[in-house]
PDB file of all heavy atoms in Angstrom:
ATOM      1  N   ARG A   1       0.834  -1.214  -0.010  1.00  0.00           N
ATOM      2  CA  ARG A   1       0.005   0.045  -0.031  1.00  0.00           C
ATOM      3  C   ARG A   1       0.824   1.248   0.022  1.00  0.00           C
ATOM      4  O   ARG A   1       0.480   2.272   0.555  1.00  0.00           O
ATOM      5  CB  ARG A   1      -0.968   0.040   1.212  1.00  0.00           C
ATOM      6  CG  ARG A   1      -1.863  -1.178   1.317  1.00  0.00           C
ATOM      7  CD  ARG A   1      -2.804  -0.934   2.503  1.00  0.00           C
ATOM      8  NE  ARG A   1      -3.535  -2.159   2.899  1.00  0.00           N
ATOM      9  CZ  ARG A   1      -4.349  -2.269   3.872  1.00  0.00           C
ATOM     10  NH1 ARG A   1      -4.542  -1.227   4.696  1.00  0.00           N
ATOM     11  NH2 ARG A   1      -4.920  -3.363   4.136  1.00  0.00           N
ATOM     12  N   LYS A   2       2.081   1.177  -0.525  1.00  0.00           N
ATOM     13  CA  LYS A   2       3.006   2.265  -0.604  1.00  0.00           C
ATOM     14  C   LYS A   2       3.369   2.801   0.811  1.00  0.00           C
ATOM     15  O   LYS A   2       3.590   4.007   0.990  1.00  0.00           O
ATOM     16  CB  LYS A   2       2.448   3.439  -1.451  1.00  0.00           C
ATOM     17  CG  LYS A   2       2.192   3.089  -2.897  1.00  0.00           C
ATOM     18  CD  LYS A   2       1.675   4.235  -3.675  1.00  0.00           C
ATOM     19  CE  LYS A   2       1.447   3.779  -5.164  1.00  0.00           C
ATOM     20  NZ  LYS A   2       0.930   4.950  -5.971  1.00  0.00           N
ATOM     21  N   GLU A   3       3.477   1.849   1.771  1.00  0.00           N
ATOM     22  CA  GLU A   3       3.871   2.189   3.106  1.00  0.00           C
ATOM     23  C   GLU A   3       4.983   1.268   3.548  1.00  0.00           C
ATOM     24  O   GLU A   3       5.270   0.280   2.908  1.00  0.00           O
ATOM     25  CB  GLU A   3       2.659   2.020   4.036  1.00  0.00           C
ATOM     26  CG  GLU A   3       1.517   2.976   3.827  1.00  0.00           C
ATOM     27  CD  GLU A   3       0.318   2.748   4.730  1.00  0.00           C
ATOM     28  OE1 GLU A   3       0.085   1.582   5.138  1.00  0.00           O
ATOM     29  OE2 GLU A   3      -0.386   3.745   5.050  1.00  0.00           O
ATOM     30  N   VAL A   4       5.613   1.607   4.689  1.00  0.00           N
ATOM     31  CA  VAL A   4       6.670   0.805   5.308  1.00  0.00           C
ATOM     32  C   VAL A   4       6.328   0.587   6.736  1.00  0.00           C
ATOM     33  O   VAL A   4       5.723   1.455   7.436  1.00  0.00           O
ATOM     34  CB  VAL A   4       8.030   1.443   5.131  1.00  0.00           C
ATOM     35  CG1 VAL A   4       8.501   1.460   3.691  1.00  0.00           C
ATOM     36  CG2 VAL A   4       8.104   2.868   5.761  1.00  0.00           C
ATOM     37  N   TYR A   5       6.752  -0.567   7.267  1.00  0.00           N
ATOM     38  CA  TYR A   5       6.807  -0.801   8.713  1.00  0.00           C
ATOM     39  C   TYR A   5       8.172  -0.305   9.127  1.00  0.00           C
ATOM     40  O   TYR A   5       9.176  -0.652   8.455  1.00  0.00           O
ATOM     41  CB  TYR A   5       6.623  -2.292   9.047  1.00  0.00           C
ATOM     42  CG  TYR A   5       5.328  -2.887   8.662  1.00  0.00           C
ATOM     43  CD1 TYR A   5       5.247  -3.910   7.670  1.00  0.00           C
ATOM     44  CD2 TYR A   5       4.168  -2.474   9.249  1.00  0.00           C
ATOM     45  CE1 TYR A   5       4.089  -4.476   7.331  1.00  0.00           C
ATOM     46  CE2 TYR A   5       2.962  -3.009   8.907  1.00  0.00           C
ATOM     47  CZ  TYR A   5       2.927  -4.019   7.939  1.00  0.00           C
ATOM     48  OH  TYR A   5       1.690  -4.551   7.623  1.00  0.00           O
ATOM     49  N   TRP A   6       8.281   0.401  10.262  1.00  0.00           N
ATOM     50  CA  TRP A   6       9.621   0.979  10.596  1.00  0.00           C
ATOM     51  C   TRP A   6       9.733   1.158  12.050  1.00  0.00           C
ATOM     52  O   TRP A   6       8.805   1.222  12.815  1.00  0.00           O
ATOM     53  CB  TRP A   6       9.853   2.308   9.843  1.00  0.00           C
ATOM     54  CG  TRP A   6       8.950   3.402  10.310  1.00  0.00           C
ATOM     55  CD1 TRP A   6       7.618   3.570   9.974  1.00  0.00           C
ATOM     56  CD2 TRP A   6       9.294   4.487  11.239  1.00  0.00           C
ATOM     57  NE1 TRP A   6       7.127   4.717  10.654  1.00  0.00           N
ATOM     58  CE2 TRP A   6       8.126   5.244  11.399  1.00  0.00           C
ATOM     59  CE3 TRP A   6      10.438   4.805  11.930  1.00  0.00           C
ATOM     60  CZ2 TRP A   6       8.149   6.378  12.246  1.00  0.00           C
ATOM     61  CZ3 TRP A   6      10.433   5.906  12.786  1.00  0.00           C
ATOM     62  CH2 TRP A   6       9.276   6.660  12.925  1.00  0.00           C
ATOM     63  N   ALA A   7      10.980   1.346  12.491  1.00  0.00           N
ATOM     64  CA  ALA A   7      11.312   1.661  13.880  1.00  0.00           C
ATOM     65  C   ALA A   7      12.720   2.264  13.900  1.00  0.00           C
ATOM     66  O   ALA A   7      13.550   2.042  13.036  1.00  0.00           O
ATOM     67  CB  ALA A   7      11.231   0.435  14.810  1.00  0.00           C
ATOM     68  N   ARG A   8      12.983   3.073  14.970  1.00  0.00           N
ATOM     69  CA  ARG A   8      14.320   3.664  15.149  1.00  0.00           C
ATOM     70  C   ARG A   8      15.101   2.810  16.184  1.00  0.00           C
ATOM     71  O   ARG A   8      14.526   2.235  17.088  1.00  0.00           O
ATOM     72  CB  ARG A   8      14.158   5.093  15.637  1.00  0.00           C
ATOM     73  CG  ARG A   8      13.498   5.993  14.657  1.00  0.00           C
ATOM     74  CD  ARG A   8      13.381   7.430  15.260  1.00  0.00           C
ATOM     75  NE  ARG A   8      14.718   8.009  15.421  1.00  0.00           N
ATOM     76  CZ  ARG A   8      15.020   9.235  14.978  1.00  0.00           C
ATOM     77  NH1 ARG A   8      14.072   9.969  14.304  1.00  0.00           N
ATOM     78  NH2 ARG A   8      16.154   9.806  15.161  1.00  0.00           N
ATOM     79  N   TYR A   9      16.432   2.872  16.046  1.00  0.00           N
ATOM     80  CA  TYR A   9      17.316   2.157  16.936  1.00  0.00           C
ATOM     81  C   TYR A   9      18.492   2.962  17.361  1.00  0.00           C
ATOM     82  O   TYR A   9      19.031   3.751  16.572  1.00  0.00           O
ATOM     83  CB  TYR A   9      17.807   0.871  16.238  1.00  0.00           C
ATOM     84  CG  TYR A   9      16.722  -0.170  16.043  1.00  0.00           C
ATOM     85  CD1 TYR A   9      15.885   0.018  14.941  1.00  0.00           C
ATOM     86  CD2 TYR A   9      16.512  -1.229  16.890  1.00  0.00           C
ATOM     87  CE1 TYR A   9      14.827  -0.935  14.736  1.00  0.00           C
ATOM     88  CE2 TYR A   9      15.495  -2.141  16.713  1.00  0.00           C
ATOM     89  CZ  TYR A   9      14.663  -1.967  15.626  1.00  0.00           C
ATOM     90  OH  TYR A   9      13.603  -2.832  15.476  1.00  0.00           O
ATOM     91  N   GLU A  10      18.871   2.828  18.625  1.00  0.00           N
ATOM     92  CA  GLU A  10      20.123   3.446  19.129  1.00  0.00           C
ATOM     93  C   GLU A  10      21.339   2.611  18.667  1.00  0.00           C
ATOM     94  O   GLU A  10      22.366   3.181  18.390  1.00  0.00           O
ATOM     95  CB  GLU A  10      20.077   3.578  20.640  1.00  0.00           C
ATOM     96  CG  GLU A  10      19.221   4.720  21.168  1.00  0.00           C
ATOM     97  CD  GLU A  10      19.599   6.068  20.638  1.00  0.00           C
ATOM     98  OE1 GLU A  10      20.841   6.309  20.550  1.00  0.00           O
ATOM     99  OE2 GLU A  10      18.731   6.854  20.289  1.00  0.00           O
ATOM    100  N   ASP A  11      21.145   1.326  18.606  1.00  0.00           N
ATOM    101  CA  ASP A  11      22.199   0.411  18.153  1.00  0.00           C
ATOM    102  C   ASP A  11      21.495  -0.878  17.780  1.00  0.00           C
ATOM    103  O   ASP A  11      20.253  -0.927  17.756  1.00  0.00           O
ATOM    104  CB  ASP A  11      23.250   0.168  19.209  1.00  0.00           C
ATOM    105  CG  ASP A  11      22.716  -0.297  20.548  1.00  0.00           C
ATOM    106  OD1 ASP A  11      21.900  -1.277  20.536  1.00  0.00           O
ATOM    107  OD2 ASP A  11      23.019   0.304  21.581  1.00  0.00           O
ATOM    108  N   GLY A  12      22.271  -1.934  17.398  1.00  0.00           N
ATOM    109  CA  GLY A  12      21.658  -3.163  16.918  1.00  0.00           C
ATOM    110  C   GLY A  12      20.862  -3.932  17.933  1.00  0.00           C
ATOM    111  O   GLY A  12      20.074  -4.786  17.530  1.00  0.00           O
ATOM    112  N   ARG A  13      20.908  -3.552  19.162  1.00  0.00           N
ATOM    113  CA  ARG A  13      20.136  -4.241  20.234  1.00  0.00           C
ATOM    114  C   ARG A  13      19.082  -3.390  20.910  1.00  0.00           C
ATOM    115  O   ARG A  13      18.341  -3.907  21.709  1.00  0.00           O
ATOM    116  CB  ARG A  13      21.086  -4.795  21.306  1.00  0.00           C
ATOM    117  CG  ARG A  13      22.068  -5.890  20.831  1.00  0.00           C
ATOM    118  CD  ARG A  13      22.977  -6.262  21.983  1.00  0.00           C
ATOM    119  NE  ARG A  13      23.768  -7.445  21.667  1.00  0.00           N
ATOM    120  CZ  ARG A  13      24.910  -7.391  21.005  1.00  0.00           C
ATOM    121  NH1 ARG A  13      25.425  -6.169  20.565  1.00  0.00           N
ATOM    122  NH2 ARG A  13      25.623  -8.473  20.686  1.00  0.00           N
ATOM    123  N   THR A  14      19.038  -2.090  20.618  1.00  0.00           N
ATOM    124  CA  THR A  14      18.232  -1.166  21.336  1.00  0.00           C
ATOM    125  C   THR A  14      17.282  -0.423  20.489  1.00  0.00           C
ATOM    126  O   THR A  14      17.687   0.540  19.762  1.00  0.00           O
ATOM    127  CB  THR A  14      19.100  -0.162  22.158  1.00  0.00           C
ATOM    128  OG1 THR A  14      20.094  -0.893  22.877  1.00  0.00           O
ATOM    129  CG2 THR A  14      18.230   0.626  23.146  1.00  0.00           C
ATOM    130  N   ARG A  15      15.988  -0.734  20.510  1.00  0.00           N
ATOM    131  CA  ARG A  15      14.960   0.009  19.756  1.00  0.00           C
ATOM    132  C   ARG A  15      14.462   1.149  20.640  1.00  0.00           C
ATOM    133  O   ARG A  15      14.235   1.018  21.830  1.00  0.00           O
ATOM    134  CB  ARG A  15      13.831  -0.951  19.410  1.00  0.00           C
ATOM    135  CG  ARG A  15      12.664  -0.278  18.732  1.00  0.00           C
ATOM    136  CD  ARG A  15      11.821  -1.227  17.901  1.00  0.00           C
ATOM    137  NE  ARG A  15      11.589  -2.512  18.548  1.00  0.00           N
ATOM    138  CZ  ARG A  15      10.624  -2.794  19.400  1.00  0.00           C
ATOM    139  NH1 ARG A  15       9.777  -1.841  19.816  1.00  0.00           N
ATOM    140  NH2 ARG A  15      10.457  -4.016  19.873  1.00  0.00           N
ATOM    141  N   THR A  16      14.174   2.294  19.993  1.00  0.00           N
ATOM    142  CA  THR A  16      13.601   3.422  20.661  1.00  0.00           C
ATOM    143  C   THR A  16      12.202   3.595  20.224  1.00  0.00           C
ATOM    144  O   THR A  16      11.983   4.035  19.084  1.00  0.00           O
ATOM    145  CB  THR A  16      14.446   4.706  20.439  1.00  0.00           C
ATOM    146  OG1 THR A  16      14.507   4.907  19.006  1.00  0.00           O
ATOM    147  CG2 THR A  16      15.859   4.516  20.960  1.00  0.00           C
ATOM    148  N   GLY A  17      11.233   3.333  21.041  1.00  0.00           N
ATOM    149  CA  GLY A  17       9.848   3.450  20.632  1.00  0.00           C
ATOM    150  C   GLY A  17       9.309   2.172  20.006  1.00  0.00           C
ATOM    151  O   GLY A  17      10.004   1.205  19.784  1.00  0.00           O
ATOM    152  N   GLU A  18       8.022   2.254  19.646  1.00  0.00           N
ATOM    153  CA  GLU A  18       7.323   1.152  19.093  1.00  0.00           C
ATOM    154  C   GLU A  18       7.359   1.119  17.572  1.00  0.00           C
ATOM    155  O   GLU A  18       7.426   2.225  16.946  1.00  0.00           O
ATOM    156  CB  GLU A  18       5.896   1.128  19.594  1.00  0.00           C
ATOM    157  CG  GLU A  18       5.777   0.896  21.094  1.00  0.00           C
ATOM    158  CD  GLU A  18       6.337  -0.427  21.547  1.00  0.00           C
ATOM    159  OE1 GLU A  18       6.106  -1.478  20.894  1.00  0.00           O
ATOM    160  OE2 GLU A  18       7.082  -0.388  22.550  1.00  0.00           O
ATOM    161  N   PRO A  19       7.265  -0.018  16.926  1.00  0.00           N
ATOM    162  CA  PRO A  19       7.141  -0.046  15.463  1.00  0.00           C
ATOM    163  C   PRO A  19       5.900   0.691  14.983  1.00  0.00           C
ATOM    164  O   PRO A  19       4.930   0.732  15.717  1.00  0.00           O
ATOM    165  CB  PRO A  19       7.072  -1.551  15.130  1.00  0.00           C
ATOM    166  CG  PRO A  19       7.670  -2.276  16.356  1.00  0.00           C
ATOM    167  CD  PRO A  19       7.316  -1.385  17.530  1.00  0.00           C
ATOM    168  N   ALA A  20       5.956   1.197  13.786  1.00  0.00           N
ATOM    169  CA  ALA A  20       4.876   1.963  13.223  1.00  0.00           C
ATOM    170  C   ALA A  20       4.752   1.607  11.748  1.00  0.00           C
ATOM    171  O   ALA A  20       5.615   1.022  11.122  1.00  0.00           O
ATOM    172  CB  ALA A  20       5.071   3.436  13.446  1.00  0.00           C
ATOM    173  N   VAL A  21       3.622   2.074  11.145  1.00  0.00           N
ATOM    174  CA  VAL A  21       3.445   1.940   9.679  1.00  0.00           C
ATOM    175  C   VAL A  21       3.070   3.293   9.159  1.00  0.00           C
ATOM    176  O   VAL A  21       2.211   3.977   9.658  1.00  0.00           O
ATOM    177  CB  VAL A  21       2.371   0.876   9.367  1.00  0.00           C
ATOM    178  CG1 VAL A  21       1.021   1.246  10.011  1.00  0.00           C
ATOM    179  CG2 VAL A  21       2.257   0.676   7.854  1.00  0.00           C
ATOM    180  N   ASP A  22       3.815   3.738   8.119  1.00  0.00           N
ATOM    181  CA  ASP A  22       3.602   5.062   7.527  1.00  0.00           C
ATOM    182  C   ASP A  22       4.059   5.109   6.049  1.00  0.00           C
ATOM    183  O   ASP A  22       4.797   4.212   5.576  1.00  0.00           O
ATOM    184  CB  ASP A  22       4.451   6.125   8.293  1.00  0.00           C
ATOM    185  CG  ASP A  22       3.967   6.417   9.680  1.00  0.00           C
ATOM    186  OD1 ASP A  22       2.918   7.077   9.801  1.00  0.00           O
ATOM    187  OD2 ASP A  22       4.569   5.956  10.669  1.00  0.00           O
ATOM    188  N   ARG A  23       3.623   6.126   5.406  1.00  0.00           N
ATOM    189  CA  ARG A  23       4.119   6.416   4.015  1.00  0.00           C
ATOM    190  C   ARG A  23       5.571   6.942   4.141  1.00  0.00           C
ATOM    191  O   ARG A  23       5.820   7.758   5.032  1.00  0.00           O
ATOM    192  CB  ARG A  23       3.231   7.410   3.303  1.00  0.00           C
ATOM    193  CG  ARG A  23       1.891   6.805   2.921  1.00  0.00           C
ATOM    194  CD  ARG A  23       1.059   7.813   2.092  1.00  0.00           C
ATOM    195  NE  ARG A  23      -0.186   7.255   1.691  1.00  0.00           N
ATOM    196  CZ  ARG A  23      -0.327   6.578   0.500  1.00  0.00           C
ATOM    197  NH1 ARG A  23       0.689   6.434  -0.306  1.00  0.00           N
ATOM    198  NH2 ARG A  23      -1.532   6.050   0.181  1.00  0.00           N
ATOM    199  N   PRO A  24       6.412   6.481   3.276  1.00  0.00           N
ATOM    200  CA  PRO A  24       7.853   6.980   3.342  1.00  0.00           C
ATOM    201  C   PRO A  24       7.961   8.487   3.371  1.00  0.00           C
ATOM    202  O   PRO A  24       8.786   9.015   4.160  1.00  0.00           O
ATOM    203  CB  PRO A  24       8.482   6.353   2.113  1.00  0.00           C
ATOM    204  CG  PRO A  24       7.683   5.087   1.872  1.00  0.00           C
ATOM    205  CD  PRO A  24       6.253   5.470   2.213  1.00  0.00           C
ATOM    206  N   ALA A  25       7.213   9.177   2.559  1.00  0.00           N
ATOM    207  CA  ALA A  25       7.351  10.611   2.525  1.00  0.00           C
ATOM    208  C   ALA A  25       6.980  11.304   3.787  1.00  0.00           C
ATOM    209  O   ALA A  25       7.539  12.320   4.109  1.00  0.00           O
ATOM    210  CB  ALA A  25       6.434  11.167   1.348  1.00  0.00           C
ATOM    211  N   ASP A  26       6.151  10.624   4.591  1.00  0.00           N
ATOM    212  CA  ASP A  26       5.674  11.270   5.856  1.00  0.00           C
ATOM    213  C   ASP A  26       6.717  11.061   6.983  1.00  0.00           C
ATOM    214  O   ASP A  26       6.622  11.781   7.981  1.00  0.00           O
ATOM    215  CB  ASP A  26       4.357  10.523   6.262  1.00  0.00           C
ATOM    216  CG  ASP A  26       3.217  10.867   5.383  1.00  0.00           C
ATOM    217  OD1 ASP A  26       3.302  11.858   4.664  1.00  0.00           O
ATOM    218  OD2 ASP A  26       2.220  10.113   5.413  1.00  0.00           O
ATOM    219  N   ILE A  27       7.662  10.181   6.808  1.00  0.00           N
ATOM    220  CA  ILE A  27       8.669   9.999   7.842  1.00  0.00           C
ATOM    221  C   ILE A  27      10.094  10.369   7.333  1.00  0.00           C
ATOM    222  O   ILE A  27      11.051  10.279   8.130  1.00  0.00           O
ATOM    223  CB  ILE A  27       8.680   8.578   8.411  1.00  0.00           C
ATOM    224  CG1 ILE A  27       8.894   7.556   7.296  1.00  0.00           C
ATOM    225  CG2 ILE A  27       7.336   8.284   9.163  1.00  0.00           C
ATOM    226  CD1 ILE A  27       9.056   6.126   7.778  1.00  0.00           C
ATOM    227  N   ALA A  28      10.207  10.765   6.092  1.00  0.00           N
ATOM    228  CA  ALA A  28      11.529  11.037   5.519  1.00  0.00           C
ATOM    229  C   ALA A  28      12.247  12.115   6.293  1.00  0.00           C
ATOM    230  O   ALA A  28      13.463  12.013   6.568  1.00  0.00           O
ATOM    231  CB  ALA A  28      11.401  11.397   4.039  1.00  0.00           C
ATOM    232  N   GLU A  29      11.566  13.190   6.692  1.00  0.00           N
ATOM    233  CA  GLU A  29      12.190  14.277   7.416  1.00  0.00           C
ATOM    234  C   GLU A  29      12.657  13.785   8.809  1.00  0.00           C
ATOM    235  O   GLU A  29      13.707  14.151   9.279  1.00  0.00           O
ATOM    236  CB  GLU A  29      11.227  15.448   7.566  1.00  0.00           C
ATOM    237  CG  GLU A  29      11.836  16.669   8.230  1.00  0.00           C
ATOM    238  CD  GLU A  29      10.910  17.844   8.234  1.00  0.00           C
ATOM    239  OE1 GLU A  29       9.891  17.826   7.568  1.00  0.00           O
ATOM    240  OE2 GLU A  29      11.262  18.887   8.917  1.00  0.00           O
ATOM    241  N   ALA A  30      11.790  13.010   9.489  1.00  0.00           N
ATOM    242  CA  ALA A  30      12.127  12.538  10.790  1.00  0.00           C
ATOM    243  C   ALA A  30      13.388  11.633  10.821  1.00  0.00           C
ATOM    244  O   ALA A  30      14.126  11.569  11.779  1.00  0.00           O
ATOM    245  CB  ALA A  30      10.933  11.757  11.405  1.00  0.00           C
ATOM    246  N   LEU A  31      13.563  10.909   9.652  1.00  0.00           N
ATOM    247  CA  LEU A  31      14.700   9.974   9.595  1.00  0.00           C
ATOM    248  C   LEU A  31      15.861  10.540   8.787  1.00  0.00           C
ATOM    249  O   LEU A  31      16.829   9.788   8.479  1.00  0.00           O
ATOM    250  CB  LEU A  31      14.237   8.656   8.991  1.00  0.00           C
ATOM    251  CG  LEU A  31      13.152   7.892   9.727  1.00  0.00           C
ATOM    252  CD1 LEU A  31      12.857   6.557   9.072  1.00  0.00           C
ATOM    253  CD2 LEU A  31      13.544   7.675  11.185  1.00  0.00           C
ATOM    254  N   ALA A  32      15.753  11.810   8.394  1.00  0.00           N
ATOM    255  CA  ALA A  32      16.834  12.420   7.554  1.00  0.00           C
ATOM    256  C   ALA A  32      18.166  12.262   8.216  1.00  0.00           C
ATOM    257  O   ALA A  32      18.342  12.502   9.421  1.00  0.00           O
ATOM    258  CB  ALA A  32      16.479  13.902   7.305  1.00  0.00           C
ATOM    259  N   GLY A  33      19.144  11.864   7.420  1.00  0.00           N
ATOM    260  CA  GLY A  33      20.509  11.756   7.946  1.00  0.00           C
ATOM    261  C   GLY A  33      20.820  10.375   8.604  1.00  0.00           C
ATOM    262  O   GLY A  33      21.989  10.101   8.889  1.00  0.00           O
ATOM    263  N   LEU A  34      19.792   9.552   8.768  1.00  0.00           N
ATOM    264  CA  LEU A  34      20.011   8.242   9.369  1.00  0.00           C
ATOM    265  C   LEU A  34      20.151   7.195   8.274  1.00  0.00           C
ATOM    266  O   LEU A  34      19.404   7.207   7.319  1.00  0.00           O
ATOM    267  CB  LEU A  34      18.864   7.889  10.288  1.00  0.00           C
ATOM    268  CG  LEU A  34      18.634   8.655  11.559  1.00  0.00           C
ATOM    269  CD1 LEU A  34      17.441   8.129  12.300  1.00  0.00           C
ATOM    270  CD2 LEU A  34      19.910   8.520  12.485  1.00  0.00           C
ATOM    271  N   PRO A  35      21.053   6.229   8.452  1.00  0.00           N
ATOM    272  CA  PRO A  35      20.956   4.996   7.638  1.00  0.00           C
ATOM    273  C   PRO A  35      19.674   4.278   7.922  1.00  0.00           C
ATOM    274  O   PRO A  35      19.173   4.232   9.029  1.00  0.00           O
ATOM    275  CB  PRO A  35      22.198   4.188   8.102  1.00  0.00           C
ATOM    276  CG  PRO A  35      23.056   5.075   8.903  1.00  0.00           C
ATOM    277  CD  PRO A  35      22.134   6.168   9.467  1.00  0.00           C
ATOM    278  N   VAL A  36      19.109   3.674   6.863  1.00  0.00           N
ATOM    279  CA  VAL A  36      17.872   2.907   6.978  1.00  0.00           C
ATOM    280  C   VAL A  36      18.105   1.513   6.425  1.00  0.00           C
ATOM    281  O   VAL A  36      18.480   1.325   5.267  1.00  0.00           O
ATOM    282  CB  VAL A  36      16.673   3.602   6.312  1.00  0.00           C
ATOM    283  CG1 VAL A  36      15.356   2.781   6.499  1.00  0.00           C
ATOM    284  CG2 VAL A  36      16.494   4.983   6.789  1.00  0.00           C
ATOM    285  N   VAL A  37      17.888   0.492   7.277  1.00  0.00           N
ATOM    286  CA  VAL A  37      18.133  -0.913   6.908  1.00  0.00           C
ATOM    287  C   VAL A  37      16.886  -1.545   6.407  1.00  0.00           C
ATOM    288  O   VAL A  37      15.771  -1.294   6.978  1.00  0.00           O
ATOM    289  CB  VAL A  37      18.698  -1.647   8.189  1.00  0.00           C
ATOM    290  CG1 VAL A  37      18.790  -3.138   7.918  1.00  0.00           C
ATOM    291  CG2 VAL A  37      19.970  -1.056   8.609  1.00  0.00           C
ATOM    292  N   GLY A  38      16.970  -2.408   5.421  1.00  0.00           N
ATOM    293  CA  GLY A  38      15.863  -3.243   5.040  1.00  0.00           C
ATOM    294  C   GLY A  38      15.264  -2.905   3.665  1.00  0.00           C
ATOM    295  O   GLY A  38      15.614  -1.920   3.035  1.00  0.00           O
ATOM    296  N   ALA A  39      14.378  -3.797   3.210  1.00  0.00           N
ATOM    297  CA  ALA A  39      13.764  -3.665   1.878  1.00  0.00           C
ATOM    298  C   ALA A  39      12.983  -2.386   1.734  1.00  0.00           C
ATOM    299  O   ALA A  39      12.871  -1.888   0.625  1.00  0.00           O
ATOM    300  CB  ALA A  39      12.900  -4.895   1.612  1.00  0.00           C
ATOM    301  N   GLY A  40      12.401  -1.860   2.774  1.00  0.00           N
ATOM    302  CA  GLY A  40      11.666  -0.595   2.682  1.00  0.00           C
ATOM    303  C   GLY A  40      12.494   0.546   2.221  1.00  0.00           C
ATOM    304  O   GLY A  40      12.086   1.401   1.454  1.00  0.00           O
ATOM    305  N   ALA A  41      13.758   0.582   2.677  1.00  0.00           N
ATOM    306  CA  ALA A  41      14.697   1.602   2.259  1.00  0.00           C
ATOM    307  C   ALA A  41      15.061   1.504   0.782  1.00  0.00           C
ATOM    308  O   ALA A  41      15.191   2.486   0.102  1.00  0.00           O
ATOM    309  CB  ALA A  41      15.962   1.589   3.123  1.00  0.00           C
ATOM    310  N   VAL A  42      15.215   0.254   0.365  1.00  0.00           N
ATOM    311  CA  VAL A  42      15.570  -0.030  -1.039  1.00  0.00           C
ATOM    312  C   VAL A  42      14.460   0.328  -1.964  1.00  0.00           C
ATOM    313  O   VAL A  42      14.688   0.926  -3.065  1.00  0.00           O
ATOM    314  CB  VAL A  42      15.986  -1.455  -1.243  1.00  0.00           C
ATOM    315  CG1 VAL A  42      16.208  -1.796  -2.700  1.00  0.00           C
ATOM    316  CG2 VAL A  42      17.207  -1.841  -0.372  1.00  0.00           C
ATOM    317  N   LEU A  43      13.198   0.148  -1.575  1.00  0.00           N
ATOM    318  CA  LEU A  43      12.049   0.439  -2.419  1.00  0.00           C
ATOM    319  C   LEU A  43      11.818   1.941  -2.531  1.00  0.00           C
ATOM    320  O   LEU A  43      11.243   2.350  -3.530  1.00  0.00           O
ATOM    321  CB  LEU A  43      10.802  -0.214  -1.776  1.00  0.00           C
ATOM    322  CG  LEU A  43      10.643  -1.696  -1.992  1.00  0.00           C
ATOM    323  CD1 LEU A  43       9.472  -2.193  -1.096  1.00  0.00           C
ATOM    324  CD2 LEU A  43      10.380  -2.037  -3.403  1.00  0.00           C
ATOM    325  N   TYR A  44      12.191   2.750  -1.562  1.00  0.00           N
ATOM    326  CA  TYR A  44      11.879   4.148  -1.587  1.00  0.00           C
ATOM    327  C   TYR A  44      13.160   5.017  -1.422  1.00  0.00           C
ATOM    328  O   TYR A  44      13.344   5.671  -0.339  1.00  0.00           O
ATOM    329  CB  TYR A  44      10.831   4.505  -0.507  1.00  0.00           C
ATOM    330  CG  TYR A  44       9.566   3.650  -0.654  1.00  0.00           C
ATOM    331  CD1 TYR A  44       9.304   2.543   0.136  1.00  0.00           C
ATOM    332  CD2 TYR A  44       8.635   4.046  -1.622  1.00  0.00           C
ATOM    333  CE1 TYR A  44       8.174   1.826  -0.011  1.00  0.00           C
ATOM    334  CE2 TYR A  44       7.475   3.305  -1.815  1.00  0.00           C
ATOM    335  CZ  TYR A  44       7.238   2.216  -0.978  1.00  0.00           C
ATOM    336  OH  TYR A  44       6.058   1.433  -1.200  1.00  0.00           O
ATOM    337  N   PRO A  45      14.054   4.982  -2.379  1.00  0.00           N
ATOM    338  CA  PRO A  45      15.326   5.706  -2.259  1.00  0.00           C
ATOM    339  C   PRO A  45      15.205   7.224  -2.091  1.00  0.00           C
ATOM    340  O   PRO A  45      16.080   7.864  -1.537  1.00  0.00           O
ATOM    341  CB  PRO A  45      16.035   5.322  -3.496  1.00  0.00           C
ATOM    342  CG  PRO A  45      15.005   4.915  -4.497  1.00  0.00           C
ATOM    343  CD  PRO A  45      13.893   4.338  -3.675  1.00  0.00           C
TER     344      PRO A  45
END
């Protein structure tokens, strides 16, 4: 549905907050400057 499941991490073992589902454009600013891991990042460069 042109959305991604996503979450932020402090490191490989520490998630900050709960997973969410959003349109990539709606979270792009919040995640600006961060590496993004996974197929969702590849689909929406």
